[in-house]
Amino acid sequence: MAGVCTTQLELVTPENYEAALALSVRPDQDDLVAPVAKSLAEAYVFPEPPGRC
């Protein structure tokens, strides 16, 4: 199928963090998501979502 994309979640590790930092969105999507570095920093500082045990 043309135009079909798949998404795969991966754990960010010391071996692949640079690849994670290299991820980007289209320019018209920049205002819709936070930069990868900010998201990784938040995941480090707040490893569990609020309300989870």
PDB file of N, CA and C in Angstrom:
ATOM      1  N   MET A   1       0.830  -1.188   0.000  1.00  0.00           N
ATOM      2  CA  MET A   1       0.000   0.000   0.000  1.00  0.00           C
ATOM      3  C   MET A   1       0.870   1.246   0.000  1.00  0.00           C
ATOM      4  N   ALA A   2       0.652   2.095  -0.911  1.00  0.00           N
ATOM      5  CA  ALA A   2       1.398   3.352  -0.962  1.00  0.00           C
ATOM      6  C   ALA A   2       0.889   4.306   0.103  1.00  0.00           C
ATOM      7  N   GLY A   3       1.822   4.996   0.754  1.00  0.00           N
ATOM      8  CA  GLY A   3       1.451   5.999   1.735  1.00  0.00           C
ATOM      9  C   GLY A   3       1.142   5.467   3.122  1.00  0.00           C
ATOM     10  N   VAL A   4       1.310   4.166   3.337  1.00  0.00           N
ATOM     11  CA  VAL A   4       1.048   3.592   4.645  1.00  0.00           C
ATOM     12  C   VAL A   4       2.350   3.562   5.436  1.00  0.00           C
ATOM     13  N   CYS A   5       2.309   4.093   6.647  1.00  0.00           N
ATOM     14  CA  CYS A   5       3.478   4.104   7.521  1.00  0.00           C
ATOM     15  C   CYS A   5       3.167   3.285   8.758  1.00  0.00           C
ATOM     16  N   THR A   6       4.193   2.718   9.327  1.00  0.00           N
ATOM     17  CA  THR A   6       4.025   2.003  10.584  1.00  0.00           C
ATOM     18  C   THR A   6       4.858   2.686  11.653  1.00  0.00           C
ATOM     19  N   THR A   7       4.444   2.513  12.880  1.00  0.00           N
ATOM     20  CA  THR A   7       5.152   3.075  14.016  1.00  0.00           C
ATOM     21  C   THR A   7       5.559   1.936  14.926  1.00  0.00           C
ATOM     22  N   GLN A   8       6.759   2.029  15.450  1.00  0.00           N
ATOM     23  CA  GLN A   8       7.256   1.004  16.360  1.00  0.00           C
ATOM     24  C   GLN A   8       7.880   1.695  17.560  1.00  0.00           C
ATOM     25  N   LEU A   9       7.459   1.302  18.760  1.00  0.00           N
ATOM     26  CA  LEU A   9       8.031   1.865  19.976  1.00  0.00           C
ATOM     27  C   LEU A   9       9.254   1.049  20.375  1.00  0.00           C
ATOM     28  N   GLU A  10      10.287   1.736  20.785  1.00  0.00           N
ATOM     29  CA  GLU A  10      11.524   1.096  21.218  1.00  0.00           C
ATOM     30  C   GLU A  10      11.960   1.733  22.522  1.00  0.00           C
ATOM     31  N   LEU A  11      12.540   0.949  23.402  1.00  0.00           N
ATOM     32  CA  LEU A  11      13.138   1.468  24.613  1.00  0.00           C
ATOM     33  C   LEU A  11      14.372   2.273  24.221  1.00  0.00           C
ATOM     34  N   VAL A  12      14.520   3.456  24.783  1.00  0.00           N
ATOM     35  CA  VAL A  12      15.711   4.264  24.499  1.00  0.00           C
ATOM     36  C   VAL A  12      16.823   3.769  25.415  1.00  0.00           C
ATOM     37  N   THR A  13      17.947   3.415  24.822  1.00  0.00           N
ATOM     38  CA  THR A  13      19.080   2.844  25.540  1.00  0.00           C
ATOM     39  C   THR A  13      20.340   3.642  25.224  1.00  0.00           C
ATOM     40  N   PRO A  14      21.437   3.389  25.953  1.00  0.00           N
ATOM     41  CA  PRO A  14      22.700   4.053  25.611  1.00  0.00           C
ATOM     42  C   PRO A  14      23.137   3.763  24.170  1.00  0.00           C
ATOM     43  N   GLU A  15      22.712   2.623  23.657  1.00  0.00           N
ATOM     44  CA  GLU A  15      23.108   2.256  22.288  1.00  0.00           C
ATOM     45  C   GLU A  15      22.303   2.979  21.210  1.00  0.00           C
ATOM     46  N   ASN A  16      21.093   3.436  21.526  1.00  0.00           N
ATOM     47  CA  ASN A  16      20.272   4.036  20.461  1.00  0.00           C
ATOM     48  C   ASN A  16      19.774   5.453  20.759  1.00  0.00           C
ATOM     49  N   TYR A  17      20.255   6.060  21.853  1.00  0.00           N
ATOM     50  CA  TYR A  17      19.723   7.384  22.197  1.00  0.00           C
ATOM     51  C   TYR A  17      20.036   8.427  21.127  1.00  0.00           C
ATOM     52  N   GLU A  18      21.172   8.304  20.450  1.00  0.00           N
ATOM     53  CA  GLU A  18      21.487   9.286  19.400  1.00  0.00           C
ATOM     54  C   GLU A  18      20.510   9.168  18.234  1.00  0.00           C
ATOM     55  N   ALA A  19      20.097   7.948  17.916  1.00  0.00           N
ATOM     56  CA  ALA A  19      19.087   7.767  16.873  1.00  0.00           C
ATOM     57  C   ALA A  19      17.760   8.377  17.310  1.00  0.00           C
ATOM     58  N   ALA A  20      17.433   8.241  18.598  1.00  0.00           N
ATOM     59  CA  ALA A  20      16.201   8.851  19.107  1.00  0.00           C
ATOM     60  C   ALA A  20      16.267  10.371  18.988  1.00  0.00           C
ATOM     61  N   LEU A  21      17.420  10.948  19.330  1.00  0.00           N
ATOM     62  CA  LEU A  21      17.573  12.404  19.228  1.00  0.00           C
ATOM     63  C   LEU A  21      17.495  12.894  17.786  1.00  0.00           C
ATOM     64  N   ALA A  22      17.783  12.034  16.845  1.00  0.00           N
ATOM     65  CA  ALA A  22      17.761  12.413  15.429  1.00  0.00           C
ATOM     66  C   ALA A  22      16.352  12.365  14.825  1.00  0.00           C
ATOM     67  N   LEU A  23      15.369  11.848  15.585  1.00  0.00           N
ATOM     68  CA  LEU A  23      14.007  11.783  15.065  1.00  0.00           C
ATOM     69  C   LEU A  23      13.454  13.189  14.850  1.00  0.00           C
ATOM     70  N   SER A  24      12.620  13.326  13.856  1.00  0.00           N
ATOM     71  CA  SER A  24      12.014  14.627  13.582  1.00  0.00           C
ATOM     72  C   SER A  24      10.643  14.427  12.955  1.00  0.00           C
ATOM     73  N   VAL A  25       9.905  15.500  12.913  1.00  0.00           N
ATOM     74  CA  VAL A  25       8.604  15.515  12.256  1.00  0.00           C
ATOM     75  C   VAL A  25       8.681  16.484  11.075  1.00  0.00           C
ATOM     76  N   ARG A  26       7.652  16.460  10.270  1.00  0.00           N
ATOM     77  CA  ARG A  26       7.607  17.414   9.163  1.00  0.00           C
ATOM     78  C   ARG A  26       7.539  18.827   9.721  1.00  0.00           C
ATOM     79  N   PRO A  27       8.055  19.813   9.003  1.00  0.00           N
ATOM     80  CA  PRO A  27       8.026  21.201   9.488  1.00  0.00           C
ATOM     81  C   PRO A  27       6.632  21.675   9.888  1.00  0.00           C
ATOM     82  N   ASP A  28       5.598  21.230   9.186  1.00  0.00           N
ATOM     83  CA  ASP A  28       4.239  21.672   9.520  1.00  0.00           C
ATOM     84  C   ASP A  28       3.705  21.001  10.790  1.00  0.00           C
ATOM     85  N   GLN A  29       4.471  20.065  11.365  1.00  0.00           N
ATOM     86  CA  GLN A  29       4.066  19.399  12.599  1.00  0.00           C
ATOM     87  C   GLN A  29       4.862  19.882  13.814  1.00  0.00           C
ATOM     88  N   ASP A  30       5.845  20.748  13.607  1.00  0.00           N
ATOM     89  CA  ASP A  30       6.721  21.198  14.697  1.00  0.00           C
ATOM     90  C   ASP A  30       5.961  21.756  15.891  1.00  0.00           C
ATOM     91  N   ASP A  31       4.882  22.467  15.646  1.00  0.00           N
ATOM     92  CA  ASP A  31       4.148  23.078  16.758  1.00  0.00           C
ATOM     93  C   ASP A  31       3.204  22.091  17.452  1.00  0.00           C
ATOM     94  N   LEU A  32       3.169  20.851  17.009  1.00  0.00           N
ATOM     95  CA  LEU A  32       2.262  19.858  17.584  1.00  0.00           C
ATOM     96  C   LEU A  32       2.917  18.962  18.626  1.00  0.00           C
ATOM     97  N   VAL A  33       4.239  18.865  18.602  1.00  0.00           N
ATOM     98  CA  VAL A  33       4.945  17.970  19.517  1.00  0.00           C
ATOM     99  C   VAL A  33       6.157  18.680  20.117  1.00  0.00           C
ATOM    100  N   ALA A  34       6.553  18.213  21.293  1.00  0.00           N
ATOM    101  CA  ALA A  34       7.745  18.756  21.942  1.00  0.00           C
ATOM    102  C   ALA A  34       8.992  18.208  21.257  1.00  0.00           C
ATOM    103  N   PRO A  35      10.105  18.919  21.351  1.00  0.00           N
ATOM    104  CA  PRO A  35      11.362  18.385  20.817  1.00  0.00           C
ATOM    105  C   PRO A  35      11.726  17.074  21.527  1.00  0.00           C
ATOM    106  N   VAL A  36      12.393  16.189  20.823  1.00  0.00           N
ATOM    107  CA  VAL A  36      12.765  14.885  21.381  1.00  0.00           C
ATOM    108  C   VAL A  36      13.581  15.053  22.664  1.00  0.00           C
ATOM    109  N   ALA A  37      14.531  15.973  22.691  1.00  0.00           N
ATOM    110  CA  ALA A  37      15.372  16.153  23.879  1.00  0.00           C
ATOM    111  C   ALA A  37      14.520  16.510  25.102  1.00  0.00           C
ATOM    112  N   LYS A  38      13.493  17.338  24.916  1.00  0.00           N
ATOM    113  CA  LYS A  38      12.613  17.699  26.039  1.00  0.00           C
ATOM    114  C   LYS A  38      11.838  16.476  26.505  1.00  0.00           C
ATOM    115  N   SER A  39      11.324  15.692  25.590  1.00  0.00           N
ATOM    116  CA  SER A  39      10.574  14.495  25.957  1.00  0.00           C
ATOM    117  C   SER A  39      11.452  13.487  26.689  1.00  0.00           C
ATOM    118  N   LEU A  40      12.681  13.307  26.235  1.00  0.00           N
ATOM    119  CA  LEU A  40      13.598  12.382  26.912  1.00  0.00           C
ATOM    120  C   LEU A  40      13.942  12.895  28.302  1.00  0.00           C
ATOM    121  N   ALA A  41      14.149  14.193  28.443  1.00  0.00           N
ATOM    122  CA  ALA A  41      14.446  14.773  29.754  1.00  0.00           C
ATOM    123  C   ALA A  41      13.272  14.575  30.706  1.00  0.00           C
ATOM    124  N   GLU A  42      12.058  14.801  30.247  1.00  0.00           N
ATOM    125  CA  GLU A  42      10.885  14.609  31.088  1.00  0.00           C
ATOM    126  C   GLU A  42      10.731  13.143  31.491  1.00  0.00           C
ATOM    127  N   ALA A  43      10.998  12.221  30.573  1.00  0.00           N
ATOM    128  CA  ALA A  43      10.910  10.797  30.888  1.00  0.00           C
ATOM    129  C   ALA A  43      11.953  10.399  31.927  1.00  0.00           C
ATOM    130  N   TYR A  44      13.097  11.047  31.907  1.00  0.00           N
ATOM    131  CA  TYR A  44      14.149  10.769  32.885  1.00  0.00           C
ATOM    132  C   TYR A  44      13.767  11.317  34.261  1.00  0.00           C
ATOM    133  N   VAL A  45      13.277  12.543  34.296  1.00  0.00           N
ATOM    134  CA  VAL A  45      12.934  13.196  35.557  1.00  0.00           C
ATOM    135  C   VAL A  45      11.654  12.611  36.162  1.00  0.00           C
ATOM    136  N   PHE A  46      10.693  12.272  35.324  1.00  0.00           N
ATOM    137  CA  PHE A  46       9.404  11.724  35.753  1.00  0.00           C
ATOM    138  C   PHE A  46       9.209  10.353  35.109  1.00  0.00           C
ATOM    139  N   PRO A  47       9.871   9.305  35.622  1.00  0.00           N
ATOM    140  CA  PRO A  47       9.835   8.009  34.955  1.00  0.00           C
ATOM    141  C   PRO A  47       8.473   7.323  34.954  1.00  0.00           C
ATOM    142  N   GLU A  48       7.578   7.689  35.859  1.00  0.00           N
ATOM    143  CA  GLU A  48       6.247   7.099  35.892  1.00  0.00           C
ATOM    144  C   GLU A  48       5.193   8.175  35.659  1.00  0.00           C
ATOM    145  N   PRO A  49       4.214   7.900  34.828  1.00  0.00           N
ATOM    146  CA  PRO A  49       3.141   8.886  34.631  1.00  0.00           C
ATOM    147  C   PRO A  49       2.399   9.131  35.933  1.00  0.00           C
ATOM    148  N   PRO A  50       1.858  10.336  36.124  1.00  0.00           N
ATOM    149  CA  PRO A  50       1.095  10.630  37.338  1.00  0.00           C
ATOM    150  C   PRO A  50      -0.054   9.624  37.507  1.00  0.00           C
ATOM    151  N   GLY A  51      -0.268   9.191  38.757  1.00  0.00           N
ATOM    152  CA  GLY A  51      -1.377   8.275  39.026  1.00  0.00           C
ATOM    153  C   GLY A  51      -1.017   6.814  38.897  1.00  0.00           C
ATOM    154  N   ARG A  52       0.176   6.486  38.433  1.00  0.00           N
ATOM    155  CA  ARG A  52       0.582   5.077  38.337  1.00  0.00           C
ATOM    156  C   ARG A  52       1.342   4.676  39.581  1.00  0.00           C
ATOM    157  N   CYS A  53       1.189   3.445  39.999  1.00  0.00           N
ATOM    158  CA  CYS A  53       1.881   2.934  41.186  1.00  0.00           C
ATOM    159  C   CYS A  53       3.239   2.387  40.824  1.00  0.00           C
TER     160      CYS A  53
END
